[in-house]
C-alpha atoms as a PDB file:
ATOM      1  CA  MET A   1     102.251  97.394 120.569  1.00  0.00           C
ATOM      2  CA  ARG A   2     105.018  99.710 119.431  1.00  0.00           C
ATOM      3  CA  PHE A   3     103.015 100.530 116.235  1.00  0.00           C
ATOM      4  CA  ALA A   4      99.900 101.172 118.276  1.00  0.00           C
ATOM      5  CA  VAL A   5     101.707 103.481 120.717  1.00  0.00           C
ATOM      6  CA  TRP A   6     103.245 105.354 117.657  1.00  0.00           C
ATOM      7  CA  MET A   7      99.937 105.692 115.980  1.00  0.00           C
ATOM      8  CA  TRP A   8      98.348 107.112 119.161  1.00  0.00           C
ATOM      9  CA  GLU A   9     101.187 109.726 119.608  1.00  0.00           C
ATOM     10  CA  ARG A  10     101.533 110.868 116.003  1.00  0.00           C
ATOM     11  CA  SER A  11      98.329 110.041 114.189  1.00  0.00           C
ATOM     12  CA  SER A  12      94.982 111.634 114.152  1.00  0.00           C
ATOM     13  CA  PRO A  13      92.238 110.262 116.509  1.00  0.00           C
ATOM     14  CA  SER A  14      90.308 109.205 113.366  1.00  0.00           C
ATOM     15  CA  ARG A  15      93.157 106.962 112.290  1.00  0.00           C
ATOM     16  CA  MET A  16      93.346 105.331 115.712  1.00  0.00           C
ATOM     17  CA  LEU A  17      89.637 104.785 115.630  1.00  0.00           C
ATOM     18  CA  PHE A  18      90.027 103.155 112.178  1.00  0.00           C
ATOM     19  CA  PHE A  19      92.318 100.424 113.536  1.00  0.00           C
ATOM     20  CA  LEU A  20      90.128  99.840 116.696  1.00  0.00           C
ATOM     21  CA  LYS A  21      87.148  99.306 114.231  1.00  0.00           C
ATOM     22  CA  VAL A  22      89.224  96.989 112.042  1.00  0.00           C
ATOM     23  CA  GLY A  23      90.112  94.894 115.077  1.00  0.00           C
ATOM     24  CA  SER A  24      86.476  94.620 115.913  1.00  0.00           C
ATOM     25  CA  LYS A  25      85.538  93.679 112.303  1.00  0.00           C
ATOM     26  CA  LEU A  26      88.074  90.776 112.363  1.00  0.00           C
ATOM     27  CA  LEU A  27      87.015  89.246 115.598  1.00  0.00           C
ATOM     28  CA  LEU A  28      83.403  89.191 114.466  1.00  0.00           C
ATOM     29  CA  ALA A  29      84.318  87.680 111.134  1.00  0.00           C
ATOM     30  CA  LYS A  30      86.422  85.013 112.754  1.00  0.00           C
ATOM     31  CA  LYS A  31      83.382  83.991 114.795  1.00  0.00           C
ATOM     32  CA  ARG A  32      81.222  83.733 111.782  1.00  0.00           C
ATOM     33  CA  ARG A  33      83.875  81.850 109.937  1.00  0.00           C
ATOM     34  CA  THR A  34      84.252  79.317 112.789  1.00  0.00           C
ATOM     35  CA  LYS A  35      80.477  78.743 112.866  1.00  0.00           C
ATOM     36  CA  LYS A  36      79.982  78.541 109.001  1.00  0.00           C
ATOM     37  CA  GLN A  37      83.013  76.141 108.548  1.00  0.00           C
ATOM     38  CA  LYS A  38      80.876  73.291 110.014  1.00  0.00           C
ATOM     39  CA  SER A  39      78.623  73.426 106.995  1.00  0.00           C
ATOM     40  CA  ILE A  40      81.353  73.581 104.410  1.00  0.00           C
ATOM     41  CA  LYS A  41      82.883  70.521 102.851  1.00  0.00           C
ATOM     42  CA  GLY A  42      86.187  72.260 102.504  1.00  0.00           C
ATOM     43  CA  ASN A  43      87.835  75.236 103.914  1.00  0.00           C
ATOM     44  CA  ILE A  44      86.812  78.844 104.297  1.00  0.00           C
ATOM     45  CA  PRO A  45      89.915  81.032 103.722  1.00  0.00           C
ATOM     46  CA  ALA A  46      90.469  84.131 105.857  1.00  0.00           C
ATOM     47  CA  VAL A  47      91.451  86.191 102.802  1.00  0.00           C
ATOM     48  CA  ILE A  48      90.035  86.329  99.273  1.00  0.00           C
ATOM     49  CA  ALA A  49      92.089  88.040  96.593  1.00  0.00           C
ATOM     50  CA  ILE A  50      89.835  89.335  93.741  1.00  0.00           C
ATOM     51  CA  SER A  51      90.735  90.758  90.564  1.00  0.00           C
ATOM     52  CA  PRO A  52      87.666  92.723  89.395  1.00  0.00           C
ATOM     53  CA  THR A  53      89.431  93.641  86.228  1.00  0.00           C
ATOM     54  CA  MET A  54      92.516  92.573  84.335  1.00  0.00           C
ATOM     55  CA  ARG A  55      92.546  95.879  82.367  1.00  0.00           C
ATOM     56  CA  CYS A  56      95.178  98.361  83.233  1.00  0.00           C
ATOM     57  CA  ASN A  57      96.289 101.765  81.941  1.00  0.00           C
ATOM     58  CA  TYR A  58     100.012 100.868  82.546  1.00  0.00           C
ATOM     59  CA  ASN A  59     102.111  98.212  80.839  1.00  0.00           C
ATOM     60  CA  CYS A  60     104.528  97.282  83.699  1.00  0.00           C
ATOM     61  CA  ARG A  61     107.369  94.997  82.854  1.00  0.00           C
ATOM     62  CA  GLY A  62     107.233  91.611  84.500  1.00  0.00           C
ATOM     63  CA  CYS A  63     103.624  92.010  85.664  1.00  0.00           C
ATOM     64  CA  TYR A  64     101.872  88.769  86.527  1.00  0.00           C
ATOM     65  CA  SER A  65      98.460  89.893  85.128  1.00  0.00           C
ATOM     66  CA  ARG A  66      99.904  91.294  81.802  1.00  0.00           C
ATOM     67  CA  ASP A  67      98.022  89.979  78.716  1.00  0.00           C
ATOM     68  CA  ARG A  68      95.446  88.066  80.773  1.00  0.00           C
ATOM     69  CA  ASN A  69      92.012  87.978  79.246  1.00  0.00           C
ATOM     70  CA  SER A  70      90.126  91.223  80.029  1.00  0.00           C
ATOM     71  CA  ASP A  71      86.683  90.129  78.664  1.00  0.00           C
ATOM     72  CA  ASN A  72      83.644  88.915  80.391  1.00  0.00           C
ATOM     73  CA  GLU A  73      84.235  90.667  83.745  1.00  0.00           C
ATOM     74  CA  LEU A  74      82.197  89.902  86.715  1.00  0.00           C
ATOM     75  CA  SER A  75      79.369  92.380  86.854  1.00  0.00           C
ATOM     76  CA  THR A  76      78.522  94.790  89.679  1.00  0.00           C
ATOM     77  CA  GLN A  77      75.669  92.470  90.802  1.00  0.00           C
ATOM     78  CA  GLU A  78      77.925  89.537  90.719  1.00  0.00           C
ATOM     79  CA  LEU A  79      80.645  91.208  92.804  1.00  0.00           C
ATOM     80  CA  ASP A  80      77.992  92.423  95.149  1.00  0.00           C
ATOM     81  CA  SER A  81      76.668  88.976  95.666  1.00  0.00           C
ATOM     82  CA  LEU A  82      80.217  87.648  96.197  1.00  0.00           C
ATOM     83  CA  PHE A  83      81.039  90.222  98.891  1.00  0.00           C
ATOM     84  CA  LEU A  84      77.799  89.408 100.642  1.00  0.00           C
ATOM     85  CA  GLU A  85      78.533  85.736 100.697  1.00  0.00           C
ATOM     86  CA  ALA A  86      82.143  86.483 101.817  1.00  0.00           C
ATOM     87  CA  THR A  87      80.669  88.397 104.738  1.00  0.00           C
ATOM     88  CA  ASN A  88      78.218  85.643 105.716  1.00  0.00           C
ATOM     89  CA  LEU A  89      80.973  82.968 105.557  1.00  0.00           C
ATOM     90  CA  GLY A  90      83.176  84.958 107.766  1.00  0.00           C
ATOM     91  CA  VAL A  91      85.894  85.935 105.381  1.00  0.00           C
ATOM     92  CA  LEU A  92      88.138  88.470 107.158  1.00  0.00           C
ATOM     93  CA  SER A  93      89.496  90.543 104.299  1.00  0.00           C
ATOM     94  CA  ILE A  94      89.164  91.067 100.498  1.00  0.00           C
ATOM     95  CA  VAL A  95      92.341  92.045  98.663  1.00  0.00           C
ATOM     96  CA  VAL A  96      91.417  94.007  95.615  1.00  0.00           C
ATOM     97  CA  THR A  97      93.976  93.607  92.954  1.00  0.00           C
ATOM     98  CA  GLY A  98      94.098  93.406  89.124  1.00  0.00           C
ATOM     99  CA  GLY A  99      94.649  95.166  86.633  1.00  0.00           C
ATOM    100  CA  GLU A 100      93.924  98.611  87.924  1.00  0.00           C
ATOM    101  CA  PRO A 101      90.792  98.220  90.244  1.00  0.00           C
ATOM    102  CA  TYR A 102      89.739 101.868  89.870  1.00  0.00           C
ATOM    103  CA  LEU A 103      89.248 101.537  86.169  1.00  0.00           C
ATOM    104  CA  ARG A 104      85.862 100.155  87.380  1.00  0.00           C
ATOM    105  CA  CYS A 105      83.799 102.998  88.869  1.00  0.00           C
ATOM    106  CA  ASP A 106      81.724 100.593  90.824  1.00  0.00           C
ATOM    107  CA  ILE A 107      84.451  99.247  93.037  1.00  0.00           C
ATOM    108  CA  ILE A 108      84.409 102.125  95.590  1.00  0.00           C
ATOM    109  CA  GLU A 109      80.586 101.915  95.752  1.00  0.00           C
ATOM    110  CA  LEU A 110      80.712  98.146  96.548  1.00  0.00           C
ATOM    111  CA  ILE A 111      83.363  98.714  99.176  1.00  0.00           C
ATOM    112  CA  GLU A 112      81.207 101.502 100.835  1.00  0.00           C
ATOM    113  CA  LYS A 113      78.310  99.095 100.884  1.00  0.00           C
ATOM    114  CA  HIS A 114      79.912  96.049 102.486  1.00  0.00           C
ATOM    115  CA  LYS A 115      80.985  97.555 105.778  1.00  0.00           C
ATOM    116  CA  LYS A 116      81.642  94.307 107.618  1.00  0.00           C
ATOM    117  CA  LEU A 117      84.512  93.375 105.324  1.00  0.00           C
ATOM    118  CA  LEU A 118      87.999  94.831 105.452  1.00  0.00           C
ATOM    119  CA  PHE A 119      89.226  95.686 101.962  1.00  0.00           C
ATOM    120  CA  VAL A 120      93.006  95.979 100.980  1.00  0.00           C
ATOM    121  CA  SER A 121      93.088  97.816  97.635  1.00  0.00           C
ATOM    122  CA  ILE A 122      96.152  97.974  95.435  1.00  0.00           C
ATOM    123  CA  THR A 123      96.375 100.890  92.912  1.00  0.00           C
ATOM    124  CA  ASN A 124      98.945 102.520  90.654  1.00  0.00           C
ATOM    125  CA  GLY A 125      97.472 105.804  91.773  1.00  0.00           C
ATOM    126  CA  SER A 126      96.631 107.173  88.378  1.00  0.00           C
ATOM    127  CA  LYS A 127      92.905 107.196  89.013  1.00  0.00           C
ATOM    128  CA  MET A 128      93.141 108.730  92.523  1.00  0.00           C
ATOM    129  CA  THR A 129      91.294 112.055  92.892  1.00  0.00           C
ATOM    130  CA  LEU A 130      90.392 114.184  95.909  1.00  0.00           C
ATOM    131  CA  GLU A 131      86.782 112.772  95.755  1.00  0.00           C
ATOM    132  CA  LEU A 132      87.994 109.164  95.594  1.00  0.00           C
ATOM    133  CA  ALA A 133      90.474 109.751  98.384  1.00  0.00           C
ATOM    134  CA  ARG A 134      87.667 111.211 100.539  1.00  0.00           C
ATOM    135  CA  ARG A 135      85.328 108.271  99.913  1.00  0.00           C
ATOM    136  CA  ILE A 136      88.182 105.908 100.804  1.00  0.00           C
ATOM    137  CA  SER A 137      88.930 107.724 104.020  1.00  0.00           C
ATOM    138  CA  LYS A 138      85.187 107.954 104.918  1.00  0.00           C
ATOM    139  CA  SER A 139      84.509 104.274 104.174  1.00  0.00           C
ATOM    140  CA  GLY A 140      86.253 103.173 107.262  1.00  0.00           C
ATOM    141  CA  ASN A 141      86.859  99.621 105.770  1.00  0.00           C
ATOM    142  CA  ILE A 142      89.633 100.012 103.337  1.00  0.00           C
ATOM    143  CA  ILE A 143      93.441 100.086 103.664  1.00  0.00           C
ATOM    144  CA  GLN A 144      94.672 101.534 100.395  1.00  0.00           C
ATOM    145  CA  LEU A 145      98.095 100.463  99.035  1.00  0.00           C
ATOM    146  CA  VAL A 146      99.769 102.528  96.246  1.00  0.00           C
ATOM    147  CA  SER A 147     102.246 100.704  94.016  1.00  0.00           C
ATOM    148  CA  ILE A 148     105.787 102.052  93.876  1.00  0.00           C
ATOM    149  CA  GLU A 149     109.092 100.559  92.964  1.00  0.00           C
ATOM    150  CA  GLY A 150     111.378 102.758  95.029  1.00  0.00           C
ATOM    151  CA  PHE A 151     112.232 106.281  93.951  1.00  0.00           C
ATOM    152  CA  GLU A 152     111.604 107.835  90.648  1.00  0.00           C
ATOM    153  CA  LYS A 153     114.306 106.015  88.519  1.00  0.00           C
ATOM    154  CA  HIS A 154     113.152 102.536  89.497  1.00  0.00           C
ATOM    155  CA  THR A 155     109.384 103.245  89.529  1.00  0.00           C
ATOM    156  CA  ASP A 156     109.363 104.934  86.083  1.00  0.00           C
ATOM    157  CA  ASN A 157     111.682 102.310  84.655  1.00  0.00           C
ATOM    158  CA  ARG A 158     109.293  99.486  85.469  1.00  0.00           C
ATOM    159  CA  ARG A 159     106.004 101.244  85.039  1.00  0.00           C
ATOM    160  CA  LYS A 160     106.089 104.349  82.836  1.00  0.00           C
ATOM    161  CA  LYS A 161     107.630 107.793  82.810  1.00  0.00           C
ATOM    162  CA  GLY A 162     105.932 109.936  85.374  1.00  0.00           C
ATOM    163  CA  SER A 163     104.445 107.065  87.370  1.00  0.00           C
ATOM    164  CA  TYR A 164     106.537 107.847  90.374  1.00  0.00           C
ATOM    165  CA  LEU A 165     105.132 111.326  90.740  1.00  0.00           C
ATOM    166  CA  ILE A 166     101.542 110.072  90.098  1.00  0.00           C
ATOM    167  CA  ALA A 167     102.095 107.579  93.016  1.00  0.00           C
ATOM    168  CA  VAL A 168     103.354 110.336  95.338  1.00  0.00           C
ATOM    169  CA  LYS A 169     100.451 112.587  94.393  1.00  0.00           C
ATOM    170  CA  ALA A 170      97.946 109.799  95.190  1.00  0.00           C
ATOM    171  CA  MET A 171      99.513 109.339  98.536  1.00  0.00           C
ATOM    172  CA  LYS A 172      99.345 113.015  99.327  1.00  0.00           C
ATOM    173  CA  LEU A 173      95.670 112.980  98.479  1.00  0.00           C
ATOM    174  CA  LEU A 174      95.195 109.975 100.787  1.00  0.00           C
ATOM    175  CA  HIS A 175      97.109 111.625 103.595  1.00  0.00           C
ATOM    176  CA  ASP A 176      95.258 115.026 103.257  1.00  0.00           C
ATOM    177  CA  THR A 177      91.877 113.260 103.554  1.00  0.00           C
ATOM    178  CA  GLY A 178      92.897 111.198 106.483  1.00  0.00           C
ATOM    179  CA  ALA A 179      92.697 107.730 104.780  1.00  0.00           C
ATOM    180  CA  CYS A 180      94.596 104.662 106.077  1.00  0.00           C
ATOM    181  CA  PHE A 181      97.218 103.805 103.302  1.00  0.00           C
ATOM    182  CA  GLY A 182     100.601 102.520 102.596  1.00  0.00           C
ATOM    183  CA  PHE A 183     102.840 101.407  99.772  1.00  0.00           C
ATOM    184  CA  ALA A 184     103.197  98.273  97.796  1.00  0.00           C
ATOM    185  CA  ALA A 185     106.579  97.460  96.231  1.00  0.00           C
ATOM    186  CA  THR A 186     107.885  94.524  94.176  1.00  0.00           C
ATOM    187  CA  ASN A 187     111.527  93.885  95.237  1.00  0.00           C
ATOM    188  CA  THR A 188     113.758  92.634  92.530  1.00  0.00           C
ATOM    189  CA  SER A 189     117.426  92.211  91.928  1.00  0.00           C
ATOM    190  CA  GLU A 190     117.454  95.737  90.398  1.00  0.00           C
ATOM    191  CA  ASN A 191     115.733  97.697  93.183  1.00  0.00           C
ATOM    192  CA  SER A 192     116.162  95.656  96.534  1.00  0.00           C
ATOM    193  CA  GLN A 193     119.217  97.559  97.547  1.00  0.00           C
ATOM    194  CA  PHE A 194     117.294 100.779  97.244  1.00  0.00           C
ATOM    195  CA  LEU A 195     114.022  99.628  98.925  1.00  0.00           C
ATOM    196  CA  GLY A 196     116.055  98.316 101.749  1.00  0.00           C
ATOM    197  CA  THR A 197     117.349 101.763 102.907  1.00  0.00           C
ATOM    198  CA  ASP A 198     116.440 104.149 105.646  1.00  0.00           C
ATOM    199  CA  THR A 199     115.981 106.766 102.957  1.00  0.00           C
ATOM    200  CA  PHE A 200     113.239 104.948 101.189  1.00  0.00           C
ATOM    201  CA  ILE A 201     111.341 103.952 104.279  1.00  0.00           C
ATOM    202  CA  ASP A 202     111.679 107.368 105.757  1.00  0.00           C
ATOM    203  CA  ARG A 203     110.259 108.929 102.612  1.00  0.00           C
ATOM    204  CA  MET A 204     107.294 106.542 102.771  1.00  0.00           C
ATOM    205  CA  VAL A 205     106.697 107.393 106.467  1.00  0.00           C
ATOM    206  CA  GLU A 206     106.956 111.250 105.591  1.00  0.00           C
ATOM    207  CA  LEU A 207     104.400 110.818 102.956  1.00  0.00           C
ATOM    208  CA  GLY A 208     102.052 109.424 105.593  1.00  0.00           C
ATOM    209  CA  CYS A 209     102.245 105.526 104.951  1.00  0.00           C
ATOM    210  CA  SER A 210     101.113 103.425 107.842  1.00  0.00           C
ATOM    211  CA  ILE A 211     101.723 100.117 106.092  1.00  0.00           C
ATOM    212  CA  GLY A 212     104.227  98.801 103.594  1.00  0.00           C
ATOM    213  CA  TYR A 213     104.017  95.614 101.666  1.00  0.00           C
ATOM    214  CA  PHE A 214     106.953  94.066  99.848  1.00  0.00           C
ATOM    215  CA  THR A 215     106.370  91.305  97.404  1.00  0.00           C
ATOM    216  CA  GLU A 216     109.388  89.379  96.063  1.00  0.00           C
ATOM    217  CA  TYR A 217     109.294  89.174  92.334  1.00  0.00           C
ATOM    218  CA  VAL A 218     107.915  86.122  90.720  1.00  0.00           C
ATOM    219  CA  PRO A 219     108.859  85.561  86.999  1.00  0.00           C
ATOM    220  CA  CYS A 220     105.457  84.947  85.630  1.00  0.00           C
ATOM    221  CA  GLY A 221     103.360  86.492  82.992  1.00  0.00           C
ATOM    222  CA  SER A 222     103.888  86.772  79.252  1.00  0.00           C
ATOM    223  CA  ASN A 223     107.116  88.681  79.637  1.00  0.00           C
ATOM    224  CA  PRO A 224     109.095  87.430  82.645  1.00  0.00           C
ATOM    225  CA  LYS A 225     112.249  89.005  83.762  1.00  0.00           C
ATOM    226  CA  LYS A 226     114.246  86.106  85.040  1.00  0.00           C
ATOM    227  CA  ASP A 227     117.241  88.257  85.837  1.00  0.00           C
ATOM    228  CA  TRP A 228     115.072  90.098  88.277  1.00  0.00           C
ATOM    229  CA  VAL A 229     114.751  87.036  90.562  1.00  0.00           C
ATOM    230  CA  LEU A 230     116.623  87.569  93.848  1.00  0.00           C
ATOM    231  CA  SER A 231     119.527  85.350  94.622  1.00  0.00           C
ATOM    232  CA  GLU A 232     119.505  83.533  98.055  1.00  0.00           C
ATOM    233  CA  GLU A 233     122.077  85.997  99.338  1.00  0.00           C
ATOM    234  CA  GLU A 234     119.912  89.003  98.262  1.00  0.00           C
ATOM    235  CA  ARG A 235     116.804  87.422  99.782  1.00  0.00           C
ATOM    236  CA  LYS A 236     118.488  86.874 103.114  1.00  0.00           C
ATOM    237  CA  SER A 237     120.021  90.378 103.075  1.00  0.00           C
ATOM    238  CA  PHE A 238     116.553  91.980 102.323  1.00  0.00           C
ATOM    239  CA  ARG A 239     114.840  89.990 104.998  1.00  0.00           C
ATOM    240  CA  LYS A 240     117.356  91.046 107.594  1.00  0.00           C
ATOM    241  CA  LYS A 241     116.727  94.744 106.590  1.00  0.00           C
ATOM    242  CA  VAL A 242     112.964  94.305 106.887  1.00  0.00           C
ATOM    243  CA  LEU A 243     113.381  92.921 110.355  1.00  0.00           C
ATOM    244  CA  ASP A 244     115.639  95.740 111.386  1.00  0.00           C
ATOM    245  CA  PHE A 245     113.154  98.412 110.084  1.00  0.00           C
ATOM    246  CA  ARG A 246     110.393  96.734 112.099  1.00  0.00           C
ATOM    247  CA  LYS A 247     112.226  97.539 115.266  1.00  0.00           C
ATOM    248  CA  ARG A 248     113.231 101.035 114.337  1.00  0.00           C
ATOM    249  CA  LYS A 249     110.562 102.572 111.954  1.00  0.00           C
ATOM    250  CA  PRO A 250     106.991 103.801 112.762  1.00  0.00           C
ATOM    251  CA  ILE A 251     105.402 101.708 110.036  1.00  0.00           C
ATOM    252  CA  VAL A 252     103.893  98.204 109.719  1.00  0.00           C
ATOM    253  CA  LEU A 253     105.986  96.146 107.156  1.00  0.00           C
ATOM    254  CA  VAL A 254     104.719  93.036 105.597  1.00  0.00           C
ATOM    255  CA  GLN A 255     106.900  90.907 103.307  1.00  0.00           C
ATOM    256  CA  PHE A 256     106.042  88.119 100.934  1.00  0.00           C
ATOM    257  CA  PRO A 257     106.815  85.195 100.909  1.00  0.00           C
ATOM    258  CA  GLN A 258     108.534  85.254 104.215  1.00  0.00           C
ATOM    259  CA  ASP A 259     105.564  86.356 106.468  1.00  0.00           C
ATOM    260  CA  GLU A 260     103.202  84.105 104.627  1.00  0.00           C
ATOM    261  CA  TYR A 261     105.252  80.849 104.602  1.00  0.00           C
ATOM    262  CA  GLY A 262     106.646  81.271 108.097  1.00  0.00           C
ATOM    263  CA  GLU A 263     109.236  79.014 109.702  1.00  0.00           C
ATOM    264  CA  GLU A 264     107.722  75.915 108.021  1.00  0.00           C
ATOM    265  CA  ASN A 265     108.285  77.396 104.586  1.00  0.00           C
ATOM    266  CA  ARG A 266     104.784  76.416 103.663  1.00  0.00           C
ATOM    267  CA  CYS A 267     102.383  78.243 101.232  1.00  0.00           C
ATOM    268  CA  THR A 268      99.045  79.197 102.743  1.00  0.00           C
ATOM    269  CA  ALA A 269      97.246  79.849  99.446  1.00  0.00           C
ATOM    270  CA  ALA A 270      95.093  77.163  97.420  1.00  0.00           C
ATOM    271  CA  GLY A 271      92.318  77.768  99.935  1.00  0.00           C
ATOM    272  CA  ILE A 272      94.344  77.294 103.175  1.00  0.00           C
ATOM    273  CA  ALA A 273      94.326  80.948 104.172  1.00  0.00           C
ATOM    274  CA  SER A 274      93.606  82.528 100.924  1.00  0.00           C
ATOM    275  CA  LEU A 275      92.651  81.999  97.161  1.00  0.00           C
ATOM    276  CA  HIS A 276      92.232  84.162  94.069  1.00  0.00           C
ATOM    277  CA  ILE A 277      89.133  84.967  91.926  1.00  0.00           C
ATOM    278  CA  ASN A 278      89.968  86.293  88.579  1.00  0.00           C
ATOM    279  CA  SER A 279      87.857  88.881  86.653  1.00  0.00           C
ATOM    280  CA  GLU A 280      85.912  86.204  84.984  1.00  0.00           C
ATOM    281  CA  GLY A 281      84.944  84.494  88.189  1.00  0.00           C
ATOM    282  CA  GLY A 282      87.524  81.639  87.905  1.00  0.00           C
ATOM    283  CA  ILE A 283      88.779  80.140  91.119  1.00  0.00           C
ATOM    284  CA  GLU A 284      92.581  80.085  91.204  1.00  0.00           C
ATOM    285  CA  PRO A 285      95.053  78.911  93.880  1.00  0.00           C
ATOM    286  CA  CYS A 286      96.709  82.416  93.914  1.00  0.00           C
ATOM    287  CA  PRO A 287      97.259  85.406  91.645  1.00  0.00           C
ATOM    288  CA  PHE A 288     100.405  83.977  90.034  1.00  0.00           C
ATOM    289  CA  ILE A 289      98.620  80.796  88.982  1.00  0.00           C
ATOM    290  CA  ASN A 290      96.386  81.256  85.886  1.00  0.00           C
ATOM    291  CA  ILE A 291      94.692  77.783  86.265  1.00  0.00           C
ATOM    292  CA  SER A 292      91.032  77.376  87.306  1.00  0.00           C
ATOM    293  CA  LEU A 293      88.581  74.450  87.102  1.00  0.00           C
ATOM    294  CA  GLU A 294      85.662  75.965  88.827  1.00  0.00           C
ATOM    295  CA  ASN A 295      83.809  79.386  88.632  1.00  0.00           C
ATOM    296  CA  ILE A 296      81.908  81.352  91.179  1.00  0.00           C
ATOM    297  CA  ARG A 297      79.288  81.942  88.529  1.00  0.00           C
ATOM    298  CA  LYS A 298      78.302  78.272  89.079  1.00  0.00           C
ATOM    299  CA  GLY A 299      77.986  77.948  92.807  1.00  0.00           C
ATOM    300  CA  GLY A 300      79.259  81.204  94.280  1.00  0.00           C
ATOM    301  CA  LEU A 301      82.006  81.404  96.932  1.00  0.00           C
ATOM    302  CA  LYS A 302      80.966  78.264  98.608  1.00  0.00           C
ATOM    303  CA  ILE A 303      82.210  76.245  95.510  1.00  0.00           C
ATOM    304  CA  ALA A 304      85.647  77.995  95.921  1.00  0.00           C
ATOM    305  CA  CYS A 305      85.817  76.820  99.365  1.00  0.00           C
ATOM    306  CA  GLU A 306      84.898  73.358  98.347  1.00  0.00           C
ATOM    307  CA  SER A 307      86.969  73.295  95.148  1.00  0.00           C
ATOM    308  CA  SER A 308      88.352  69.809  94.398  1.00  0.00           C
ATOM    309  CA  PHE A 309      91.255  71.288  92.490  1.00  0.00           C
ATOM    310  CA  LEU A 310      92.408  73.426  95.504  1.00  0.00           C
ATOM    311  CA  LYS A 311      91.870  70.495  97.803  1.00  0.00           C
ATOM    312  CA  ALA A 312      94.081  68.278  95.583  1.00  0.00           C
ATOM    313  CA  ILE A 313      96.873  70.896  95.786  1.00  0.00           C
ATOM    314  CA  ARG A 314      96.546  70.987  99.634  1.00  0.00           C
ATOM    315  CA  GLU A 315      96.951  67.210  99.790  1.00  0.00           C
ATOM    316  CA  ARG A 316     100.232  67.388  97.986  1.00  0.00           C
ATOM    317  CA  ASP A 317     102.412  68.877 100.587  1.00  0.00           C
ATOM    318  CA  HIS A 318     105.458  69.172  98.207  1.00  0.00           C
ATOM    319  CA  LEU A 319     103.566  71.682  95.950  1.00  0.00           C
ATOM    320  CA  LEU A 320     103.388  74.024  98.977  1.00  0.00           C
ATOM    321  CA  GLN A 321     107.106  73.984  99.739  1.00  0.00           C
ATOM    322  CA  ARG A 322     109.115  76.832  98.338  1.00  0.00           C
ATOM    323  CA  LYS A 323     112.645  76.300  96.937  1.00  0.00           C
ATOM    324  CA  THR A 324     114.371  78.950  94.871  1.00  0.00           C
ATOM    325  CA  LEU A 325     111.474  81.212  93.830  1.00  0.00           C
ATOM    326  CA  ALA A 326     109.052  83.317  95.992  1.00  0.00           C
ATOM    327  CA  CYS A 327     105.973  81.314  95.058  1.00  0.00           C
ATOM    328  CA  SER A 328     106.026  77.550  95.577  1.00  0.00           C
ATOM    329  CA  LEU A 329     103.052  77.087  93.326  1.00  0.00           C
ATOM    330  CA  PHE A 330     104.640  78.848  90.460  1.00  0.00           C
ATOM    331  CA  GLU A 331     107.677  76.586  90.919  1.00  0.00           C
ATOM    332  CA  HIS A 332     105.372  73.653  90.364  1.00  0.00           C
ATOM    333  CA  TYR A 333     103.248  75.256  87.529  1.00  0.00           C
ATOM    334  CA  SER A 334     103.729  72.411  85.096  1.00  0.00           C
ATOM    335  CA  GLU A 335     102.758  69.767  87.735  1.00  0.00           C
ATOM    336  CA  LEU A 336      99.628  71.872  88.520  1.00  0.00           C
ATOM    337  CA  GLU A 337      98.615  71.816  84.872  1.00  0.00           C
ATOM    338  CA  GLU A 338      99.057  68.130  84.760  1.00  0.00           C
ATOM    339  CA  LEU A 339      96.973  67.776  87.861  1.00  0.00           C
ATOM    340  CA  ALA A 340      94.208  69.934  86.390  1.00  0.00           C
ATOM    341  CA  GLU A 341      94.181  67.943  83.253  1.00  0.00           C
ATOM    342  CA  LYS A 342      93.598  64.701  85.224  1.00  0.00           C
ATOM    343  CA  MET A 343      90.642  66.084  87.276  1.00  0.00           C
END
C-alpha cells in the first residue's frame, strides 16, 4: 500500500496505469492456471525463467551462465509457441535472462506480441537505445531490470570498465521514455556493505527505479569466486538492511533467496513455483543448475510441467532445504547429478 501511494504521488499516470494493468493480467492468468491444472499430470509453475541466448558481450566474473553452450538456440517460432503455451496454461510471468537477451533482435517483438504475459527482462544495458526503451515503455507488459553491482568501482570490477556508466545511461533512457524499470544486483562479500547503504538506494530511486532485485551470490559456473560467498553474519546484516529500506524507501525491493524461501527455508524452484528453460530448450530446475533430462522441443511447456526429473526433486524435501549457500539445489548438485543418472 505504501508503495502504491508513493507511485500515485510521484509517478506519472501512465506508470500507475501500468501497475493496474499488471494486476489485472496476473488475476486472469491465475484463473487460467487453476483451470488448466486439472488436466496436467504435474504442476504448472507461476513463473518460467527463460534464457533465449547464453551469448553475452560481457565476461563477468562469477557468472552462472559463463561458458555455457551457446549453439542451437530456440528459434523465434519456438519461442513464440512457448510463450503462447505459457499464456494458455496460465503462467503469470516470464523472466527473460541469459546471456544478454537483447543480443537477439526478436525478443522485443515477441514480448510485444504476447500481451497477456508479464515479462521481467534482465539486461546489462549495453544494447539499450532510445528506440528500444520506447518499445519497452509502450509494450505495457515488461518490467526491465538493469544489472549493476553498486557504484562504478564494483560494477566495473566485476563486469568491465565503463559498464557502470552504460547501465546508468540505460536507466536514463528507460526513465525518459516512461518505462517501468529497476536494478538487479548480485550481493557478494565484496559489495554488500555498499549495496546496503542509503546512498546506493537513493541513487537508484533518483535514476527512476521502481524496483530493485538483490540476488545473493552462488559460486557456480566455470570460474566460481568462493570468497564472494556471504558469511551467515553478512547475510543476516544485509537482510536487516533490506527490511529497513522497505519501510523507508519509495522502491519495491526483492531479495533472493530470503523472499523465495520464506520462513520454512524451502526452495520453490524445480517446478513448484518456477523452473528454467535454457537456450536449447532444456528443462532445468533453476538457472543455477545445468542439468536437464527433458526438452520443450519434444513436448512443449506441458512436458516441463510434467517433468519426471523435477518431480523427483520435489519429492526429496532435503534437496529443497538451504544450508550455507543461497541456492539449496546448487548445494546438492552432485546428488542431483546422481538422481539424473538413475532416471
